C-alpha atoms as a PDB file:
ATOM      1  CA  MET A   1      13.639  -1.486 135.581  1.00  0.00           C
ATOM      2  CA  LYS A   2      11.055  -4.157 136.178  1.00  0.00           C
ATOM      3  CA  GLU A   3       7.418  -3.734 137.163  1.00  0.00           C
ATOM      4  CA  LEU A   4       6.158  -5.052 140.491  1.00  0.00           C
ATOM      5  CA  LEU A   5       2.535  -3.969 140.170  1.00  0.00           C
ATOM      6  CA  ARG A   6       0.056  -1.429 138.806  1.00  0.00           C
ATOM      7  CA  THR A   7      -2.468   0.446 140.919  1.00  0.00           C
ATOM      8  CA  THR A   8      -4.581   3.580 140.930  1.00  0.00           C
ATOM      9  CA  ASP A   9      -4.238   3.897 144.732  1.00  0.00           C
ATOM     10  CA  PRO A  10      -1.668   6.597 145.592  1.00  0.00           C
ATOM     11  CA  VAL A  11      -1.756   5.702 149.294  1.00  0.00           C
ATOM     12  CA  ARG A  12      -0.855   2.087 148.527  1.00  0.00           C
ATOM     13  CA  LEU A  13       1.979   3.232 146.262  1.00  0.00           C
ATOM     14  CA  SER A  14       3.346   5.401 149.053  1.00  0.00           C
ATOM     15  CA  TRP A  15       3.111   2.524 151.544  1.00  0.00           C
ATOM     16  CA  LEU A  16       4.808   0.037 149.217  1.00  0.00           C
ATOM     17  CA  THR A  17       7.550   2.498 148.332  1.00  0.00           C
ATOM     18  CA  ALA A  18       8.206   3.063 152.050  1.00  0.00           C
ATOM     19  CA  LEU A  19       8.344  -0.697 152.713  1.00  0.00           C
ATOM     20  CA  LEU A  20      10.883  -1.135 149.941  1.00  0.00           C
ATOM     21  CA  ALA A  21      12.943   1.840 151.107  1.00  0.00           C
ATOM     22  CA  ASP A  22      13.097   0.337 154.615  1.00  0.00           C
ATOM     23  CA  ALA A  23      14.533  -2.813 153.005  1.00  0.00           C
ATOM     24  CA  GLY A  24      17.125  -0.755 151.121  1.00  0.00           C
ATOM     25  CA  ILE A  25      15.411  -1.160 147.741  1.00  0.00           C
ATOM     26  CA  GLU A  26      14.959   1.928 145.600  1.00  0.00           C
ATOM     27  CA  ALA A  27      11.580   2.028 143.863  1.00  0.00           C
ATOM     28  CA  THR A  28      10.213   4.349 141.195  1.00  0.00           C
ATOM     29  CA  VAL A  29       6.591   5.143 140.435  1.00  0.00           C
ATOM     30  CA  ALA A  30       6.088   5.343 136.675  1.00  0.00           C
ATOM     31  CA  ASP A  31       3.213   7.009 134.824  1.00  0.00           C
ATOM     32  CA  THR A  32       2.635   9.674 137.478  1.00  0.00           C
ATOM     33  CA  HIS A  33       2.612  12.454 134.898  1.00  0.00           C
ATOM     34  CA  THR A  34       0.238  10.536 132.645  1.00  0.00           C
ATOM     35  CA  SER A  35      -2.155  10.199 135.559  1.00  0.00           C
ATOM     36  CA  ILE A  36      -1.974  13.953 136.165  1.00  0.00           C
ATOM     37  CA  LEU A  37      -2.677  14.664 132.493  1.00  0.00           C
ATOM     38  CA  GLU A  38      -5.869  12.612 132.629  1.00  0.00           C
ATOM     39  CA  GLY A  39      -7.235  15.138 135.097  1.00  0.00           C
ATOM     40  CA  SER A  40      -6.303  13.334 138.319  1.00  0.00           C
ATOM     41  CA  LEU A  41      -9.406  11.178 137.997  1.00  0.00           C
ATOM     42  CA  GLY A  42      -7.414   8.152 139.109  1.00  0.00           C
ATOM     43  CA  VAL A  43      -8.434   5.896 136.236  1.00  0.00           C
ATOM     44  CA  LEU A  44      -4.952   5.313 134.791  1.00  0.00           C
ATOM     45  CA  PRO A  45      -2.816   3.003 136.922  1.00  0.00           C
ATOM     46  CA  ARG A  46       0.693   3.895 137.995  1.00  0.00           C
ATOM     47  CA  ARG A  47       3.467   1.289 137.923  1.00  0.00           C
ATOM     48  CA  LEU A  48       5.752   0.487 140.841  1.00  0.00           C
ATOM     49  CA  MET A  49       9.178  -0.272 139.366  1.00  0.00           C
ATOM     50  CA  VAL A  50      12.467  -1.557 140.796  1.00  0.00           C
ATOM     51  CA  LEU A  51      15.808  -2.476 139.289  1.00  0.00           C
ATOM     52  CA  ALA A  52      15.776  -5.922 137.707  1.00  0.00           C
ATOM     53  CA  GLU A  53      18.385  -7.194 140.156  1.00  0.00           C
ATOM     54  CA  ASP A  54      16.184  -6.089 143.115  1.00  0.00           C
ATOM     55  CA  TRP A  55      12.911  -7.478 141.722  1.00  0.00           C
ATOM     56  CA  ALA A  56      12.864 -10.902 143.433  1.00  0.00           C
ATOM     57  CA  ARG A  57      13.872  -9.459 146.808  1.00  0.00           C
ATOM     58  CA  ALA A  58      11.320  -6.645 146.429  1.00  0.00           C
ATOM     59  CA  ARG A  59       8.542  -9.188 145.773  1.00  0.00           C
ATOM     60  CA  THR A  60       9.581 -11.111 148.880  1.00  0.00           C
ATOM     61  CA  VAL A  61       9.564  -7.966 151.032  1.00  0.00           C
ATOM     62  CA  LEU A  62       6.081  -6.981 149.860  1.00  0.00           C
ATOM     63  CA  GLU A  63       4.648 -10.498 150.110  1.00  0.00           C
ATOM     64  CA  GLU A  64       6.010 -10.866 153.665  1.00  0.00           C
ATOM     65  CA  ALA A  65       4.213  -7.607 154.519  1.00  0.00           C
ATOM     66  CA  GLY A  66       0.956  -9.185 153.352  1.00  0.00           C
ATOM     67  CA  GLU A  67       0.732  -7.389 150.032  1.00  0.00           C
ATOM     68  CA  GLY A  68      -0.850  -9.423 147.286  1.00  0.00           C
ATOM     69  CA  LEU A  69       1.071  -9.111 144.046  1.00  0.00           C
ATOM     70  CA  PRO A  70       0.162 -10.242 140.555  1.00  0.00           C
ATOM     71  CA  ASP A  71       1.813 -13.404 139.294  1.00  0.00           C
ATOM     72  CA  ALA A  72       5.206 -12.838 137.736  1.00  0.00           C
END
């Protein structure tokens, strides 16, 4: 698995996951349970992960949708 981005915004994570799913790319949100343990304050970012072989295509899909991503 390779990280695409980190965010504390659950709505954005849902949107990005849906965009990737529409492109046939399976994504996983890591650190969800850690965020819950911190009291759901939203201060710990969650990571959007994809398989290493899907990473470049996933970045392209998200960038074409206007999503700014951190440099690789």
